[in-house]
Amino acid sequence: MAVPKRKTSKAKRDSRRSANAKLTAPNLMECPQCHEPKLPHRVCKACGFYDGKEVVVVE
């Protein structure tokens, strides 16, 4: 069975655990049709337009 030769320091242990804490909020851009915030490269949920064309009919 593998056993560590040296104790893992607190700094090494905590830096490994903090790798998942670097998440950021998604970037939002303005829809050119309705000027609502939307995720880039996705259909606008408010108006249903993508790349200047109506892709989804929104009621």
N, C-alpha and C. Protein backbone atom coordinates (compact mmCIF):
# COMPACT_ATOMS: atom_id res chain seq x y z
N MET A 1 0.84 -1.18 0.00
CA MET A 1 0.00 0.00 0.00
C MET A 1 0.89 1.25 0.00
N ALA A 2 0.52 2.25 -0.77
CA ALA A 2 1.32 3.47 -0.87
C ALA A 2 1.10 4.36 0.35
N VAL A 3 2.20 4.83 0.92
CA VAL A 3 2.16 5.69 2.10
C VAL A 3 3.01 6.92 1.79
N PRO A 4 2.51 8.16 2.09
CA PRO A 4 3.31 9.35 1.82
C PRO A 4 4.55 9.39 2.69
N LYS A 5 5.67 9.87 2.09
CA LYS A 5 6.91 9.98 2.86
C LYS A 5 6.91 11.20 3.76
N ARG A 6 6.24 12.26 3.33
CA ARG A 6 6.21 13.49 4.10
C ARG A 6 4.76 13.96 4.28
N LYS A 7 4.56 14.68 5.36
CA LYS A 7 3.25 15.25 5.63
C LYS A 7 2.97 16.37 4.61
N THR A 8 1.75 16.38 4.09
CA THR A 8 1.35 17.44 3.17
C THR A 8 1.11 18.71 3.98
N SER A 9 1.77 19.80 3.58
CA SER A 9 1.65 21.05 4.33
C SER A 9 0.24 21.63 4.18
N LYS A 10 -0.09 22.53 5.10
CA LYS A 10 -1.40 23.17 5.06
C LYS A 10 -1.56 24.00 3.79
N ALA A 11 -0.48 24.65 3.36
CA ALA A 11 -0.55 25.48 2.15
C ALA A 11 -0.81 24.62 0.91
N LYS A 12 -0.11 23.50 0.81
CA LYS A 12 -0.31 22.60 -0.34
C LYS A 12 -1.72 22.01 -0.33
N ARG A 13 -2.17 21.58 0.84
CA ARG A 13 -3.50 21.00 0.98
C ARG A 13 -4.58 22.03 0.64
N ASP A 14 -4.47 23.24 1.18
CA ASP A 14 -5.50 24.26 0.97
C ASP A 14 -5.49 24.79 -0.46
N SER A 15 -4.32 24.87 -1.09
CA SER A 15 -4.28 25.34 -2.48
C SER A 15 -4.91 24.32 -3.41
N ARG A 16 -4.79 23.05 -3.09
CA ARG A 16 -5.44 22.01 -3.88
C ARG A 16 -6.96 22.09 -3.71
N ARG A 17 -7.41 22.33 -2.50
CA ARG A 17 -8.85 22.40 -2.24
C ARG A 17 -9.48 23.67 -2.81
N SER A 18 -8.70 24.73 -2.95
CA SER A 18 -9.26 26.00 -3.42
C SER A 18 -9.35 26.07 -4.95
N ALA A 19 -8.92 25.03 -5.66
CA ALA A 19 -8.94 25.06 -7.12
C ALA A 19 -10.36 25.15 -7.65
N ASN A 20 -11.34 24.61 -6.92
CA ASN A 20 -12.73 24.65 -7.37
C ASN A 20 -13.44 25.94 -6.98
N ALA A 21 -12.80 26.79 -6.17
CA ALA A 21 -13.44 28.01 -5.68
C ALA A 21 -13.22 29.19 -6.63
N LYS A 22 -12.58 28.98 -7.78
CA LYS A 22 -12.25 30.06 -8.69
C LYS A 22 -13.32 30.26 -9.75
N LEU A 23 -14.54 29.82 -9.49
CA LEU A 23 -15.62 29.97 -10.45
C LEU A 23 -16.03 31.43 -10.55
N THR A 24 -16.36 31.87 -11.77
CA THR A 24 -16.78 33.25 -11.99
C THR A 24 -18.19 33.27 -12.56
N ALA A 25 -18.82 34.40 -12.48
CA ALA A 25 -20.16 34.58 -13.04
C ALA A 25 -20.07 34.57 -14.56
N PRO A 26 -21.11 34.09 -15.25
CA PRO A 26 -21.06 34.06 -16.71
C PRO A 26 -21.11 35.46 -17.30
N ASN A 27 -20.44 35.65 -18.44
CA ASN A 27 -20.45 36.93 -19.12
C ASN A 27 -21.80 37.10 -19.81
N LEU A 28 -22.39 38.27 -19.64
CA LEU A 28 -23.65 38.58 -20.28
C LEU A 28 -23.42 39.67 -21.32
N MET A 29 -24.13 39.56 -22.44
CA MET A 29 -24.06 40.60 -23.45
C MET A 29 -25.48 41.06 -23.75
N GLU A 30 -25.57 42.19 -24.43
CA GLU A 30 -26.87 42.76 -24.75
C GLU A 30 -27.38 42.20 -26.06
N CYS A 31 -28.64 41.79 -26.07
CA CYS A 31 -29.26 41.30 -27.30
C CYS A 31 -29.43 42.48 -28.26
N PRO A 32 -29.01 42.35 -29.51
CA PRO A 32 -29.14 43.47 -30.44
C PRO A 32 -30.59 43.77 -30.83
N GLN A 33 -31.51 42.82 -30.64
CA GLN A 33 -32.90 43.03 -31.01
C GLN A 33 -33.70 43.72 -29.89
N CYS A 34 -33.68 43.11 -28.71
CA CYS A 34 -34.53 43.60 -27.62
C CYS A 34 -33.74 44.25 -26.49
N HIS A 35 -32.42 44.23 -26.56
CA HIS A 35 -31.52 44.86 -25.58
C HIS A 35 -31.64 44.26 -24.18
N GLU A 36 -32.02 43.00 -24.10
CA GLU A 36 -32.05 42.28 -22.83
C GLU A 36 -30.71 41.57 -22.64
N PRO A 37 -30.26 41.35 -21.41
CA PRO A 37 -29.02 40.60 -21.21
C PRO A 37 -29.20 39.13 -21.58
N LYS A 38 -28.20 38.56 -22.27
CA LYS A 38 -28.26 37.16 -22.68
C LYS A 38 -26.86 36.58 -22.69
N LEU A 39 -26.78 35.26 -22.67
CA LEU A 39 -25.49 34.59 -22.75
C LEU A 39 -25.00 34.64 -24.19
N PRO A 40 -23.69 34.79 -24.41
CA PRO A 40 -23.19 34.84 -25.78
C PRO A 40 -23.33 33.50 -26.49
N HIS A 41 -23.55 33.53 -27.79
CA HIS A 41 -23.69 32.36 -28.66
C HIS A 41 -24.89 31.50 -28.29
N ARG A 42 -25.96 32.16 -27.82
CA ARG A 42 -27.19 31.45 -27.49
C ARG A 42 -28.39 32.27 -27.92
N VAL A 43 -29.51 31.60 -28.12
CA VAL A 43 -30.74 32.27 -28.51
C VAL A 43 -31.22 33.12 -27.35
N CYS A 44 -31.70 34.32 -27.65
CA CYS A 44 -32.23 35.21 -26.63
C CYS A 44 -33.54 34.64 -26.11
N LYS A 45 -33.66 34.53 -24.78
CA LYS A 45 -34.87 33.98 -24.18
C LYS A 45 -36.02 34.97 -24.23
N ALA A 46 -35.72 36.24 -24.35
CA ALA A 46 -36.77 37.25 -24.33
C ALA A 46 -37.46 37.38 -25.69
N CYS A 47 -36.67 37.39 -26.79
CA CYS A 47 -37.27 37.63 -28.11
C CYS A 47 -37.12 36.45 -29.08
N GLY A 48 -36.24 35.49 -28.79
CA GLY A 48 -36.09 34.31 -29.64
C GLY A 48 -35.22 34.52 -30.86
N PHE A 49 -34.45 35.61 -30.91
CA PHE A 49 -33.59 35.88 -32.04
C PHE A 49 -32.18 35.37 -31.80
N TYR A 50 -31.51 34.94 -32.88
CA TYR A 50 -30.10 34.56 -32.85
C TYR A 50 -29.50 34.92 -34.20
N ASP A 51 -28.42 35.67 -34.18
CA ASP A 51 -27.71 36.08 -35.40
C ASP A 51 -28.62 36.84 -36.36
N GLY A 52 -29.52 37.67 -35.80
CA GLY A 52 -30.39 38.50 -36.62
C GLY A 52 -31.60 37.80 -37.19
N LYS A 53 -31.78 36.53 -36.85
CA LYS A 53 -32.93 35.76 -37.40
C LYS A 53 -33.77 35.24 -36.23
N GLU A 54 -35.08 35.16 -36.43
CA GLU A 54 -35.95 34.61 -35.41
C GLU A 54 -35.87 33.09 -35.47
N VAL A 55 -35.38 32.48 -34.42
CA VAL A 55 -35.16 31.04 -34.37
C VAL A 55 -36.27 30.37 -33.58
N VAL A 56 -36.69 31.00 -32.49
CA VAL A 56 -37.71 30.44 -31.61
C VAL A 56 -38.84 31.45 -31.50
N VAL A 57 -40.07 30.97 -31.61
CA VAL A 57 -41.22 31.87 -31.46
C VAL A 57 -41.51 31.99 -29.97
N VAL A 58 -41.41 33.22 -29.45
CA VAL A 58 -41.65 33.49 -28.04
C VAL A 58 -42.98 34.18 -27.91
N GLU A 59 -43.79 33.70 -26.97
CA GLU A 59 -45.13 34.29 -26.79
C GLU A 59 -45.12 35.33 -25.69
